[in-house]
């Protein structure tokens, strides 16, 4: 069928839901069989029927069932949320056993003969308009051989009243994805990075995302929640997820380092400014290490050492530390002022 968005032909699939008692049907053509399409078709079918059946028997496509097992099937997590939201129970059929859902399998043949055979459609939307009309006003008005009545008569007189009501709130389809917490305390989801507390580093977790939120789960327990990134490549980080040592490092950013350097002296501030010209983690680490030298040697000596390092245009941390170790900063102070001024002018 033709996609009205790009004007090209694509392989189409038919979603069919049939109510077992009345044989009242819902049909919709789609291009994909992913979880979002699977959920959207269920919601449209429930709205078409005006209610929700207590049990939905499905085949074992991956959008609905991750691991097919006749006794202990594993449902897709997003589909499981739809099940809870609408209050129905999913009952997957046995693998490769179409007779377990014979009523809907029969609907496939009837749909092909009465909707598709001998007809051309402008596009998939045109086909879906035809399918809805067929479901409401054509096949529903024909007497079924096994019941002796029309699907609409049985649905409107008995079955409709047995359906559960539609929920008041709209279902917000989530996206689920597994991921590993890396050593940088972040998981990656759709190209963006979300922080997780230290104790979960190296763990495999589940990420649940809606349009607004990203939730992270471990063994069904929610361990972190973030506002969803607005574009790829963003880092959404809660600094409280880091250990105390890392938080202290992050809190002492470029602004903090420059402010602290200014309290020590003009030369120290100038030295730190040059260190932080390139805004990198390495530069931040170096600036913090330079300022920590004041704890061992005192602010006065650090200021003198920075002054000497600047005179020789040497911004290496090791060189600055050697100045302090070998007391070269004190030799700087012992030189007559006139000599220092002369060296500076030359």
C-alpha atoms as a PDB file:
ATOM      1  CA  UNK A   1       0.000   0.000   0.000  1.00  0.00           C
ATOM      2  CA  UNK A   2       1.048   3.584  -0.549  1.00  0.00           C
ATOM      3  CA  UNK A   3       2.259   5.672   2.379  1.00  0.00           C
ATOM      4  CA  UNK A   4       0.707   9.164   2.109  1.00  0.00           C
ATOM      5  CA  UNK A   5       3.746  10.639   3.866  1.00  0.00           C
ATOM      6  CA  UNK A   6       6.323   9.683   1.236  1.00  0.00           C
ATOM      7  CA  UNK A   7       4.110   8.554  -1.656  1.00  0.00           C
ATOM      8  CA  UNK A   8       5.888   5.195  -1.855  1.00  0.00           C
ATOM      9  CA  UNK A   9       4.572   1.646  -1.714  1.00  0.00           C
ATOM     10  CA  UNK A  10       5.372  -0.372   1.425  1.00  0.00           C
ATOM     11  CA  UNK A  11       4.467  -3.820   2.640  1.00  0.00           C
ATOM     12  CA  UNK A  12       1.323  -3.579   4.785  1.00  0.00           C
ATOM     13  CA  UNK A  13       0.010  -5.795   7.590  1.00  0.00           C
ATOM     14  CA  UNK A  14      -3.521  -6.234   8.914  1.00  0.00           C
ATOM     15  CA  UNK A  15      -4.291  -6.052  12.633  1.00  0.00           C
ATOM     16  CA  UNK A  16      -7.544  -7.888  13.405  1.00  0.00           C
ATOM     17  CA  UNK A  17      -9.336  -8.129  16.735  1.00  0.00           C
ATOM     18  CA  UNK A  18     -12.484 -10.283  16.867  1.00  0.00           C
ATOM     19  CA  UNK A  19     -14.853 -10.534  19.829  1.00  0.00           C
ATOM     20  CA  UNK A  20     -15.352 -14.259  20.413  1.00  0.00           C
ATOM     21  CA  UNK A  21     -19.056 -14.333  21.309  1.00  0.00           C
ATOM     22  CA  UNK A  22     -20.489 -12.034  18.640  1.00  0.00           C
ATOM     23  CA  UNK A  23     -17.711 -12.174  15.969  1.00  0.00           C
ATOM     24  CA  UNK A  24     -17.815  -8.359  15.855  1.00  0.00           C
ATOM     25  CA  UNK A  25     -14.498  -7.332  14.257  1.00  0.00           C
ATOM     26  CA  UNK A  26     -12.013  -4.486  14.104  1.00  0.00           C
ATOM     27  CA  UNK A  27      -9.499  -4.299  11.231  1.00  0.00           C
ATOM     28  CA  UNK A  28      -6.670  -1.828  10.686  1.00  0.00           C
ATOM     29  CA  UNK A  29      -3.839  -1.813   8.130  1.00  0.00           C
ATOM     30  CA  UNK A  30      -0.375  -0.793   9.299  1.00  0.00           C
ATOM     31  CA  UNK A  31       3.179  -0.675   7.949  1.00  0.00           C
ATOM     32  CA  UNK A  32       4.969  -1.825  11.082  1.00  0.00           C
ATOM     33  CA  UNK A  33       4.688  -4.580  13.675  1.00  0.00           C
ATOM     34  CA  UNK A  34       6.609  -2.812  16.445  1.00  0.00           C
ATOM     35  CA  UNK A  35       5.377  -2.284  19.992  1.00  0.00           C
ATOM     36  CA  UNK A  36       4.077   1.256  19.411  1.00  0.00           C
ATOM     37  CA  UNK A  37       1.941   0.129  16.467  1.00  0.00           C
ATOM     38  CA  UNK A  38       0.758  -2.964  18.370  1.00  0.00           C
ATOM     39  CA  UNK A  39      -0.372  -0.836  21.320  1.00  0.00           C
ATOM     40  CA  UNK A  40      -1.962   1.809  19.102  1.00  0.00           C
ATOM     41  CA  UNK A  41      -4.033  -0.856  17.326  1.00  0.00           C
ATOM     42  CA  UNK A  42      -5.270  -2.234  20.655  1.00  0.00           C
ATOM     43  CA  UNK A  43      -6.323   1.219  21.816  1.00  0.00           C
ATOM     44  CA  UNK A  44      -8.158   1.883  18.541  1.00  0.00           C
ATOM     45  CA  UNK A  45      -9.902  -1.499  18.762  1.00  0.00           C
ATOM     46  CA  UNK A  46     -11.068  -0.862  22.350  1.00  0.00           C
ATOM     47  CA  UNK A  47     -12.392   2.538  21.308  1.00  0.00           C
ATOM     48  CA  UNK A  48     -14.154   0.950  18.329  1.00  0.00           C
ATOM     49  CA  UNK A  49     -15.887  -1.568  20.614  1.00  0.00           C
ATOM     50  CA  UNK A  50     -16.571   1.063  23.266  1.00  0.00           C
ATOM     51  CA  UNK A  51     -15.135  -1.164  25.977  1.00  0.00           C
ATOM     52  CA  UNK A  52     -12.462  -3.674  26.920  1.00  0.00           C
ATOM     53  CA  UNK A  53     -12.793  -7.476  26.976  1.00  0.00           C
ATOM     54  CA  UNK A  54     -11.613  -9.261  30.114  1.00  0.00           C
ATOM     55  CA  UNK A  55      -9.212 -11.510  28.181  1.00  0.00           C
ATOM     56  CA  UNK A  56      -7.241 -10.880  24.987  1.00  0.00           C
ATOM     57  CA  UNK A  57      -5.878 -13.973  23.281  1.00  0.00           C
ATOM     58  CA  UNK A  58      -2.917 -13.091  21.059  1.00  0.00           C
ATOM     59  CA  UNK A  59      -0.409 -14.823  18.856  1.00  0.00           C
ATOM     60  CA  UNK A  60       3.269 -14.703  19.817  1.00  0.00           C
ATOM     61  CA  UNK A  61       4.684 -11.807  17.812  1.00  0.00           C
ATOM     62  CA  UNK A  62       7.585 -10.009  19.537  1.00  0.00           C
ATOM     63  CA  UNK A  63       5.633  -6.792  20.088  1.00  0.00           C
ATOM     64  CA  UNK A  64       3.408  -8.685  22.489  1.00  0.00           C
ATOM     65  CA  UNK A  65       5.439 -11.628  23.776  1.00  0.00           C
ATOM     66  CA  UNK A  66       9.203 -11.505  24.281  1.00  0.00           C
ATOM     67  CA  UNK A  67       9.563 -15.147  25.279  1.00  0.00           C
ATOM     68  CA  UNK A  68       6.865 -17.525  24.056  1.00  0.00           C
ATOM     69  CA  UNK A  69       5.907 -20.224  26.546  1.00  0.00           C
ATOM     70  CA  UNK A  70       2.526 -21.894  26.824  1.00  0.00           C
ATOM     71  CA  UNK A  71       2.671 -21.808  30.635  1.00  0.00           C
ATOM     72  CA  UNK A  72       4.973 -18.895  31.541  1.00  0.00           C
ATOM     73  CA  UNK A  73       5.143 -16.406  28.660  1.00  0.00           C
ATOM     74  CA  UNK A  74       7.174 -13.204  29.090  1.00  0.00           C
ATOM     75  CA  UNK A  75       5.228 -10.179  27.884  1.00  0.00           C
ATOM     76  CA  UNK A  76       6.747  -7.096  26.353  1.00  0.00           C
ATOM     77  CA  UNK A  77       7.025  -4.610  29.241  1.00  0.00           C
ATOM     78  CA  UNK A  78       5.155  -1.802  27.466  1.00  0.00           C
ATOM     79  CA  UNK A  79       2.379  -4.222  26.473  1.00  0.00           C
ATOM     80  CA  UNK A  80       2.221  -5.388  30.085  1.00  0.00           C
ATOM     81  CA  UNK A  81       1.598  -1.781  31.131  1.00  0.00           C
ATOM     82  CA  UNK A  82      -1.210  -1.516  28.567  1.00  0.00           C
ATOM     83  CA  UNK A  83      -2.716  -4.690  30.062  1.00  0.00           C
ATOM     84  CA  UNK A  84      -2.751  -3.135  33.548  1.00  0.00           C
ATOM     85  CA  UNK A  85      -4.014   0.247  32.341  1.00  0.00           C
ATOM     86  CA  UNK A  86      -7.003  -1.209  30.469  1.00  0.00           C
ATOM     87  CA  UNK A  87      -7.641  -4.031  32.931  1.00  0.00           C
ATOM     88  CA  UNK A  88      -7.537  -7.031  30.608  1.00  0.00           C
ATOM     89  CA  UNK A  89      -5.579 -10.281  30.846  1.00  0.00           C
ATOM     90  CA  UNK A  90      -3.303 -11.392  28.012  1.00  0.00           C
ATOM     91  CA  UNK A  91      -3.536 -15.069  27.075  1.00  0.00           C
ATOM     92  CA  UNK A  92      -0.924 -15.945  24.406  1.00  0.00           C
ATOM     93  CA  UNK A  93      -1.696 -18.986  22.281  1.00  0.00           C
ATOM     94  CA  UNK A  94       0.600 -21.949  21.853  1.00  0.00           C
ATOM     95  CA  UNK A  95       3.339 -21.322  19.278  1.00  0.00           C
ATOM     96  CA  UNK A  96       2.425 -22.379  15.723  1.00  0.00           C
ATOM     97  CA  UNK A  97      -1.075 -23.396  16.784  1.00  0.00           C
ATOM     98  CA  UNK A  98      -3.470 -21.099  14.855  1.00  0.00           C
ATOM     99  CA  UNK A  99      -6.515 -23.209  15.747  1.00  0.00           C
ATOM    100  CA  UNK A 100      -6.258 -21.848  19.312  1.00  0.00           C
ATOM    101  CA  UNK A 101      -7.596 -18.564  17.950  1.00  0.00           C
ATOM    102  CA  UNK A 102      -9.695 -19.908  15.118  1.00  0.00           C
ATOM    103  CA  UNK A 103     -12.273 -17.084  15.127  1.00  0.00           C
ATOM    104  CA  UNK A 104      -9.716 -14.396  14.303  1.00  0.00           C
ATOM    105  CA  UNK A 105      -7.866 -16.681  11.862  1.00  0.00           C
ATOM    106  CA  UNK A 106     -11.145 -17.096   9.975  1.00  0.00           C
ATOM    107  CA  UNK A 107     -11.470 -13.308   9.926  1.00  0.00           C
ATOM    108  CA  UNK A 108      -8.162 -13.074   8.023  1.00  0.00           C
ATOM    109  CA  UNK A 109      -9.588 -15.024   5.096  1.00  0.00           C
ATOM    110  CA  UNK A 110     -12.867 -13.099   5.117  1.00  0.00           C
ATOM    111  CA  UNK A 111     -11.036  -9.760   5.296  1.00  0.00           C
ATOM    112  CA  UNK A 112      -8.846 -10.620   2.305  1.00  0.00           C
ATOM    113  CA  UNK A 113     -11.861 -11.654   0.226  1.00  0.00           C
ATOM    114  CA  UNK A 114     -14.182  -8.801   1.123  1.00  0.00           C
ATOM    115  CA  UNK A 115     -11.865  -5.812   1.680  1.00  0.00           C
ATOM    116  CA  UNK A 116      -8.787  -6.397  -0.458  1.00  0.00           C
ATOM    117  CA  UNK A 117      -9.715  -8.714  -3.336  1.00  0.00           C
ATOM    118  CA  UNK A 118     -10.181  -6.852  -6.622  1.00  0.00           C
ATOM    119  CA  UNK A 119      -9.790  -3.375  -5.074  1.00  0.00           C
ATOM    120  CA  UNK A 120      -7.200  -0.639  -5.359  1.00  0.00           C
ATOM    121  CA  UNK A 121      -6.776   2.027  -2.712  1.00  0.00           C
ATOM    122  CA  UNK A 122      -5.402   5.531  -2.967  1.00  0.00           C
ATOM    123  CA  UNK A 123      -3.197   4.877   0.084  1.00  0.00           C
ATOM    124  CA  UNK A 124      -3.273   3.087   3.432  1.00  0.00           C
ATOM    125  CA  UNK A 125      -5.580   5.729   4.951  1.00  0.00           C
ATOM    126  CA  UNK A 126      -8.093   5.074   2.183  1.00  0.00           C
ATOM    127  CA  UNK A 127      -7.814   1.330   2.923  1.00  0.00           C
ATOM    128  CA  UNK A 128      -8.448   1.944   6.626  1.00  0.00           C
ATOM    129  CA  UNK A 129     -11.552   4.022   5.890  1.00  0.00           C
ATOM    130  CA  UNK A 130     -12.822   1.123   3.796  1.00  0.00           C
ATOM    131  CA  UNK A 131     -11.960  -1.361   6.596  1.00  0.00           C
ATOM    132  CA  UNK A 132     -13.868   0.624   9.239  1.00  0.00           C
ATOM    133  CA  UNK A 133     -16.939   0.894   7.018  1.00  0.00           C
ATOM    134  CA  UNK A 134     -16.774  -2.853   6.349  1.00  0.00           C
ATOM    135  CA  UNK A 135     -16.505  -3.634  10.078  1.00  0.00           C
ATOM    136  CA  UNK A 136     -19.357  -1.329  11.134  1.00  0.00           C
ATOM    137  CA  UNK A 137     -21.901  -1.648   8.342  1.00  0.00           C
ATOM    138  CA  UNK A 138     -21.177  -4.716   6.189  1.00  0.00           C
ATOM    139  CA  UNK A 139     -19.752  -7.836   7.820  1.00  0.00           C
ATOM    140  CA  UNK A 140     -21.403  -6.963  11.141  1.00  0.00           C
ATOM    141  CA  UNK A 141     -24.835  -7.097   9.477  1.00  0.00           C
ATOM    142  CA  UNK A 142     -24.450 -10.541   7.924  1.00  0.00           C
ATOM    143  CA  UNK A 143     -25.778 -13.625   9.688  1.00  0.00           C
ATOM    144  CA  UNK A 144     -23.026 -15.861  11.018  1.00  0.00           C
ATOM    145  CA  UNK A 145     -23.485 -19.537  10.234  1.00  0.00           C
ATOM    146  CA  UNK A 146     -22.350 -20.732  13.675  1.00  0.00           C
ATOM    147  CA  UNK A 147     -24.550 -18.347  15.705  1.00  0.00           C
ATOM    148  CA  UNK A 148     -27.523 -17.859  13.383  1.00  0.00           C
ATOM    149  CA  UNK A 149     -27.466 -14.103  14.108  1.00  0.00           C
ATOM    150  CA  UNK A 150     -25.554 -11.071  12.922  1.00  0.00           C
ATOM    151  CA  UNK A 151     -22.450  -9.974  14.868  1.00  0.00           C
ATOM    152  CA  UNK A 152     -24.077  -6.603  15.533  1.00  0.00           C
ATOM    153  CA  UNK A 153     -27.228  -8.167  17.041  1.00  0.00           C
ATOM    154  CA  UNK A 154     -25.231 -10.320  19.461  1.00  0.00           C
ATOM    155  CA  UNK A 155     -22.806  -7.513  20.286  1.00  0.00           C
ATOM    156  CA  UNK A 156     -25.403  -4.820  20.937  1.00  0.00           C
ATOM    157  CA  UNK A 157     -27.846  -7.061  22.825  1.00  0.00           C
ATOM    158  CA  UNK A 158     -25.495  -9.105  25.043  1.00  0.00           C
ATOM    159  CA  UNK A 159     -21.763  -8.719  24.567  1.00  0.00           C
ATOM    160  CA  UNK A 160     -21.364  -4.935  24.714  1.00  0.00           C
ATOM    161  CA  UNK A 161     -22.723  -4.825  28.255  1.00  0.00           C
ATOM    162  CA  UNK A 162     -20.134  -7.363  29.400  1.00  0.00           C
ATOM    163  CA  UNK A 163     -17.152  -5.293  28.291  1.00  0.00           C
ATOM    164  CA  UNK A 164     -15.189  -3.387  30.911  1.00  0.00           C
ATOM    165  CA  UNK A 165     -15.403   0.414  30.605  1.00  0.00           C
ATOM    166  CA  UNK A 166     -12.632   2.366  28.924  1.00  0.00           C
ATOM    167  CA  UNK A 167     -10.258   4.021  31.425  1.00  0.00           C
ATOM    168  CA  UNK A 168     -10.697   7.742  32.020  1.00  0.00           C
ATOM    169  CA  UNK A 169      -7.001   8.525  31.494  1.00  0.00           C
ATOM    170  CA  UNK A 170      -5.246   8.211  28.151  1.00  0.00           C
ATOM    171  CA  UNK A 171      -2.495   5.593  27.959  1.00  0.00           C
ATOM    172  CA  UNK A 172       0.983   7.098  27.549  1.00  0.00           C
ATOM    173  CA  UNK A 173       2.949   4.485  25.616  1.00  0.00           C
ATOM    174  CA  UNK A 174       6.366   3.953  27.250  1.00  0.00           C
ATOM    175  CA  UNK A 175       9.598   2.785  25.656  1.00  0.00           C
ATOM    176  CA  UNK A 176      11.544   0.067  27.479  1.00  0.00           C
ATOM    177  CA  UNK A 177      15.207  -0.712  26.899  1.00  0.00           C
ATOM    178  CA  UNK A 178      17.853  -2.600  28.837  1.00  0.00           C
ATOM    179  CA  UNK A 179      21.237  -1.018  29.453  1.00  0.00           C
ATOM    180  CA  UNK A 180      24.391  -1.198  31.539  1.00  0.00           C
ATOM    181  CA  UNK A 181      25.496   1.383  34.097  1.00  0.00           C
ATOM    182  CA  UNK A 182      28.980   2.393  32.987  1.00  0.00           C
ATOM    183  CA  UNK A 183      31.853   3.374  35.242  1.00  0.00           C
ATOM    184  CA  UNK A 184      31.087   7.034  34.614  1.00  0.00           C
ATOM    185  CA  UNK A 185      27.815   6.391  36.547  1.00  0.00           C
ATOM    186  CA  UNK A 186      25.656   6.858  33.421  1.00  0.00           C
ATOM    187  CA  UNK A 187      23.471   4.705  31.198  1.00  0.00           C
ATOM    188  CA  UNK A 188      22.938   5.547  27.529  1.00  0.00           C
ATOM    189  CA  UNK A 189      19.418   5.864  26.150  1.00  0.00           C
ATOM    190  CA  UNK A 190      18.724   7.064  22.595  1.00  0.00           C
ATOM    191  CA  UNK A 191      22.025   8.928  22.405  1.00  0.00           C
ATOM    192  CA  UNK A 192      21.786  10.767  25.739  1.00  0.00           C
ATOM    193  CA  UNK A 193      23.335   9.977  29.123  1.00  0.00           C
ATOM    194  CA  UNK A 194      21.531   9.613  32.468  1.00  0.00           C
ATOM    195  CA  UNK A 195      23.236   9.268  35.843  1.00  0.00           C
ATOM    196  CA  UNK A 196      22.662   6.408  38.294  1.00  0.00           C
ATOM    197  CA  UNK A 197      23.943   6.129  41.917  1.00  0.00           C
ATOM    198  CA  UNK A 198      27.426   4.633  42.471  1.00  0.00           C
ATOM    199  CA  UNK A 199      26.238   1.342  43.962  1.00  0.00           C
ATOM    200  CA  UNK A 200      24.657   0.349  40.641  1.00  0.00           C
ATOM    201  CA  UNK A 201      27.795   0.773  38.496  1.00  0.00           C
ATOM    202  CA  UNK A 202      28.300  -2.268  36.205  1.00  0.00           C
ATOM    203  CA  UNK A 203      24.695  -3.428  36.810  1.00  0.00           C
ATOM    204  CA  UNK A 204      22.312  -4.198  33.935  1.00  0.00           C
ATOM    205  CA  UNK A 205      19.145  -2.138  34.366  1.00  0.00           C
ATOM    206  CA  UNK A 206      15.894  -1.407  32.554  1.00  0.00           C
ATOM    207  CA  UNK A 207      15.135   2.067  31.228  1.00  0.00           C
ATOM    208  CA  UNK A 208      11.513   3.170  30.935  1.00  0.00           C
ATOM    209  CA  UNK A 209      10.953   6.354  28.939  1.00  0.00           C
ATOM    210  CA  UNK A 210       7.877   8.427  28.213  1.00  0.00           C
ATOM    211  CA  UNK A 211       7.710  11.737  26.381  1.00  0.00           C
ATOM    212  CA  UNK A 212       8.683  13.623  29.544  1.00  0.00           C
ATOM    213  CA  UNK A 213      10.432  11.241  31.930  1.00  0.00           C
ATOM    214  CA  UNK A 214      13.140   8.571  32.031  1.00  0.00           C
ATOM    215  CA  UNK A 215      12.927   6.000  34.846  1.00  0.00           C
ATOM    216  CA  UNK A 216      15.596   3.421  35.635  1.00  0.00           C
ATOM    217  CA  UNK A 217      14.733   0.065  37.238  1.00  0.00           C
ATOM    218  CA  UNK A 218      16.729  -2.772  38.770  1.00  0.00           C
ATOM    219  CA  UNK A 219      14.831  -6.005  39.542  1.00  0.00           C
ATOM    220  CA  UNK A 220      11.480  -4.192  39.226  1.00  0.00           C
ATOM    221  CA  UNK A 221      12.617  -1.513  41.717  1.00  0.00           C
ATOM    222  CA  UNK A 222      12.843   2.067  40.461  1.00  0.00           C
ATOM    223  CA  UNK A 223      16.283   3.415  41.375  1.00  0.00           C
ATOM    224  CA  UNK A 224      16.392   6.735  39.484  1.00  0.00           C
ATOM    225  CA  UNK A 225      14.169   9.229  37.672  1.00  0.00           C
ATOM    226  CA  UNK A 226      15.218  12.023  35.297  1.00  0.00           C
ATOM    227  CA  UNK A 227      13.557  14.577  33.032  1.00  0.00           C
ATOM    228  CA  UNK A 228      14.037  13.262  29.489  1.00  0.00           C
ATOM    229  CA  UNK A 229      16.718  14.921  27.368  1.00  0.00           C
ATOM    230  CA  UNK A 230      15.416  17.221  24.637  1.00  0.00           C
ATOM    231  CA  UNK A 231      18.083  16.160  22.102  1.00  0.00           C
ATOM    232  CA  UNK A 232      20.799  13.578  21.557  1.00  0.00           C
ATOM    233  CA  UNK A 233      24.166  13.960  23.237  1.00  0.00           C
ATOM    234  CA  UNK A 234      22.901  15.575  26.426  1.00  0.00           C
ATOM    235  CA  UNK A 235      24.230  14.588  29.848  1.00  0.00           C
ATOM    236  CA  UNK A 236      21.494  14.503  32.479  1.00  0.00           C
ATOM    237  CA  UNK A 237      23.457  14.224  35.705  1.00  0.00           C
ATOM    238  CA  UNK A 238      22.483  14.372  39.357  1.00  0.00           C
ATOM    239  CA  UNK A 239      25.746  15.061  41.210  1.00  0.00           C
ATOM    240  CA  UNK A 240      24.336  13.298  44.276  1.00  0.00           C
ATOM    241  CA  UNK A 241      24.780  10.052  42.316  1.00  0.00           C
ATOM    242  CA  UNK A 242      28.556  10.400  42.570  1.00  0.00           C
ATOM    243  CA  UNK A 243      30.623   9.421  45.644  1.00  0.00           C
ATOM    244  CA  UNK A 244      31.586  12.263  47.979  1.00  0.00           C
ATOM    245  CA  UNK A 245      35.088  12.636  46.527  1.00  0.00           C
ATOM    246  CA  UNK A 246      33.753  13.001  43.012  1.00  0.00           C
ATOM    247  CA  UNK A 247      31.095  15.491  44.124  1.00  0.00           C
ATOM    248  CA  UNK A 248      33.752  17.664  45.735  1.00  0.00           C
ATOM    249  CA  UNK A 249      35.724  17.618  42.493  1.00  0.00           C
ATOM    250  CA  UNK A 250      32.704  18.577  40.378  1.00  0.00           C
ATOM    251  CA  UNK A 251      31.604  21.339  42.742  1.00  0.00           C
ATOM    252  CA  UNK A 252      35.015  23.036  42.479  1.00  0.00           C
ATOM    253  CA  UNK A 253      34.500  24.135  38.887  1.00  0.00           C
ATOM    254  CA  UNK A 254      36.357  26.855  36.963  1.00  0.00           C
ATOM    255  CA  UNK A 255      34.445  29.672  38.657  1.00  0.00           C
ATOM    256  CA  UNK A 256      35.197  28.259  42.107  1.00  0.00           C
ATOM    257  CA  UNK A 257      38.910  27.772  41.307  1.00  0.00           C
ATOM    258  CA  UNK A 258      39.324  31.321  39.978  1.00  0.00           C
ATOM    259  CA  UNK A 259      37.589  32.774  43.016  1.00  0.00           C
ATOM    260  CA  UNK A 260      39.838  30.812  45.390  1.00  0.00           C
ATOM    261  CA  UNK A 261      42.949  31.762  43.406  1.00  0.00           C
ATOM    262  CA  UNK A 262      41.971  35.433  43.691  1.00  0.00           C
ATOM    263  CA  UNK A 263      42.037  35.208  47.474  1.00  0.00           C
ATOM    264  CA  UNK A 264      45.643  33.934  47.315  1.00  0.00           C
ATOM    265  CA  UNK A 265      47.074  36.572  45.019  1.00  0.00           C
ATOM    266  CA  UNK A 266      47.332  38.148  41.581  1.00  0.00           C
ATOM    267  CA  UNK A 267      49.967  35.699  40.297  1.00  0.00           C
ATOM    268  CA  UNK A 268      48.018  32.651  41.452  1.00  0.00           C
ATOM    269  CA  UNK A 269      44.877  33.987  39.784  1.00  0.00           C
ATOM    270  CA  UNK A 270      46.800  34.609  36.564  1.00  0.00           C
ATOM    271  CA  UNK A 271      48.349  31.104  36.686  1.00  0.00           C
ATOM    272  CA  UNK A 272      44.964  29.420  37.230  1.00  0.00           C
ATOM    273  CA  UNK A 273      43.371  31.545  34.472  1.00  0.00           C
ATOM    274  CA  UNK A 274      45.894  30.224  31.976  1.00  0.00           C
ATOM    275  CA  UNK A 275      45.399  26.642  33.185  1.00  0.00           C
ATOM    276  CA  UNK A 276      41.658  26.948  32.617  1.00  0.00           C
ATOM    277  CA  UNK A 277      41.832  28.484  29.136  1.00  0.00           C
ATOM    278  CA  UNK A 278      40.738  25.079  27.795  1.00  0.00           C
ATOM    279  CA  UNK A 279      37.522  24.078  29.678  1.00  0.00           C
ATOM    280  CA  UNK A 280      38.302  20.383  30.158  1.00  0.00           C
ATOM    281  CA  UNK A 281      38.118  17.963  33.077  1.00  0.00           C
ATOM    282  CA  UNK A 282      41.917  17.686  32.955  1.00  0.00           C
ATOM    283  CA  UNK A 283      42.289  21.453  33.299  1.00  0.00           C
ATOM    284  CA  UNK A 284      39.864  21.483  36.224  1.00  0.00           C
ATOM    285  CA  UNK A 285      41.774  18.671  37.920  1.00  0.00           C
ATOM    286  CA  UNK A 286      45.077  20.532  37.423  1.00  0.00           C
ATOM    287  CA  UNK A 287      43.681  23.808  38.776  1.00  0.00           C
ATOM    288  CA  UNK A 288      42.425  22.067  41.912  1.00  0.00           C
ATOM    289  CA  UNK A 289      45.812  20.370  42.427  1.00  0.00           C
ATOM    290  CA  UNK A 290      47.616  23.713  42.138  1.00  0.00           C
ATOM    291  CA  UNK A 291      45.348  25.292  44.746  1.00  0.00           C
ATOM    292  CA  UNK A 292      45.869  22.350  47.100  1.00  0.00           C
ATOM    293  CA  UNK A 293      49.584  23.206  47.209  1.00  0.00           C
ATOM    294  CA  UNK A 294      48.610  26.098  49.482  1.00  0.00           C
ATOM    295  CA  UNK A 295      47.578  23.525  52.109  1.00  0.00           C
ATOM    296  CA  UNK A 296      51.124  22.099  52.215  1.00  0.00           C
ATOM    297  CA  UNK A 297      53.243  25.183  51.544  1.00  0.00           C
ATOM    298  CA  UNK A 298      51.018  28.088  52.483  1.00  0.00           C
ATOM    299  CA  UNK A 299      49.301  30.728  50.346  1.00  0.00           C
ATOM    300  CA  UNK A 300      52.231  33.146  50.486  1.00  0.00           C
ATOM    301  CA  UNK A 301      54.711  30.635  49.040  1.00  0.00           C
ATOM    302  CA  UNK A 302      52.224  29.455  46.374  1.00  0.00           C
ATOM    303  CA  UNK A 303      51.781  33.053  45.223  1.00  0.00           C
ATOM    304  CA  UNK A 304      55.560  33.482  44.956  1.00  0.00           C
ATOM    305  CA  UNK A 305      55.922  30.157  43.105  1.00  0.00           C
ATOM    306  CA  UNK A 306      53.222  31.130  40.608  1.00  0.00           C
ATOM    307  CA  UNK A 307      54.982  34.460  40.078  1.00  0.00           C
ATOM    308  CA  UNK A 308      58.239  32.653  39.246  1.00  0.00           C
ATOM    309  CA  UNK A 309      56.479  30.143  36.961  1.00  0.00           C
ATOM    310  CA  UNK A 310      54.790  32.971  35.058  1.00  0.00           C
ATOM    311  CA  UNK A 311      58.147  34.730  34.543  1.00  0.00           C
ATOM    312  CA  UNK A 312      59.438  31.623  32.777  1.00  0.00           C
ATOM    313  CA  UNK A 313      56.082  30.998  31.041  1.00  0.00           C
ATOM    314  CA  UNK A 314      56.023  27.475  32.527  1.00  0.00           C
ATOM    315  CA  UNK A 315      52.485  26.258  33.313  1.00  0.00           C
ATOM    316  CA  UNK A 316      53.427  22.665  34.187  1.00  0.00           C
ATOM    317  CA  UNK A 317      52.150  21.438  37.549  1.00  0.00           C
ATOM    318  CA  UNK A 318      55.326  19.420  38.227  1.00  0.00           C
ATOM    319  CA  UNK A 319      57.509  22.460  37.601  1.00  0.00           C
ATOM    320  CA  UNK A 320      55.434  24.556  39.987  1.00  0.00           C
ATOM    321  CA  UNK A 321      55.728  21.893  42.680  1.00  0.00           C
ATOM    322  CA  UNK A 322      59.511  21.611  42.169  1.00  0.00           C
ATOM    323  CA  UNK A 323      59.798  25.366  42.729  1.00  0.00           C
ATOM    324  CA  UNK A 324      58.233  24.858  46.134  1.00  0.00           C
ATOM    325  CA  UNK A 325      60.178  21.678  46.971  1.00  0.00           C
ATOM    326  CA  UNK A 326      63.530  23.307  46.200  1.00  0.00           C
ATOM    327  CA  UNK A 327      62.565  26.634  47.802  1.00  0.00           C
ATOM    328  CA  UNK A 328      63.104  28.509  44.545  1.00  0.00           C
ATOM    329  CA  UNK A 329      60.144  30.707  45.439  1.00  0.00           C
ATOM    330  CA  UNK A 330      62.132  31.980  48.466  1.00  0.00           C
ATOM    331  CA  UNK A 331      65.141  32.795  46.325  1.00  0.00           C
ATOM    332  CA  UNK A 332      62.800  34.883  44.242  1.00  0.00           C
ATOM    333  CA  UNK A 333      61.859  36.848  47.333  1.00  0.00           C
ATOM    334  CA  UNK A 334      65.510  37.309  48.402  1.00  0.00           C
ATOM    335  CA  UNK A 335      66.513  39.085  45.147  1.00  0.00           C
ATOM    336  CA  UNK A 336      66.781  42.880  45.422  1.00  0.00           C
ATOM    337  CA  UNK A 337      63.731  44.587  43.983  1.00  0.00           C
ATOM    338  CA  UNK A 338      65.824  46.596  41.553  1.00  0.00           C
ATOM    339  CA  UNK A 339      67.345  43.394  40.131  1.00  0.00           C
ATOM    340  CA  UNK A 340      63.934  41.828  39.707  1.00  0.00           C
ATOM    341  CA  UNK A 341      62.622  44.945  38.014  1.00  0.00           C
ATOM    342  CA  UNK A 342      65.635  44.979  35.710  1.00  0.00           C
ATOM    343  CA  UNK A 343      65.096  41.304  34.796  1.00  0.00           C
ATOM    344  CA  UNK A 344      61.475  42.032  34.109  1.00  0.00           C
ATOM    345  CA  UNK A 345      62.242  44.963  31.791  1.00  0.00           C
ATOM    346  CA  UNK A 346      64.909  43.039  29.877  1.00  0.00           C
END
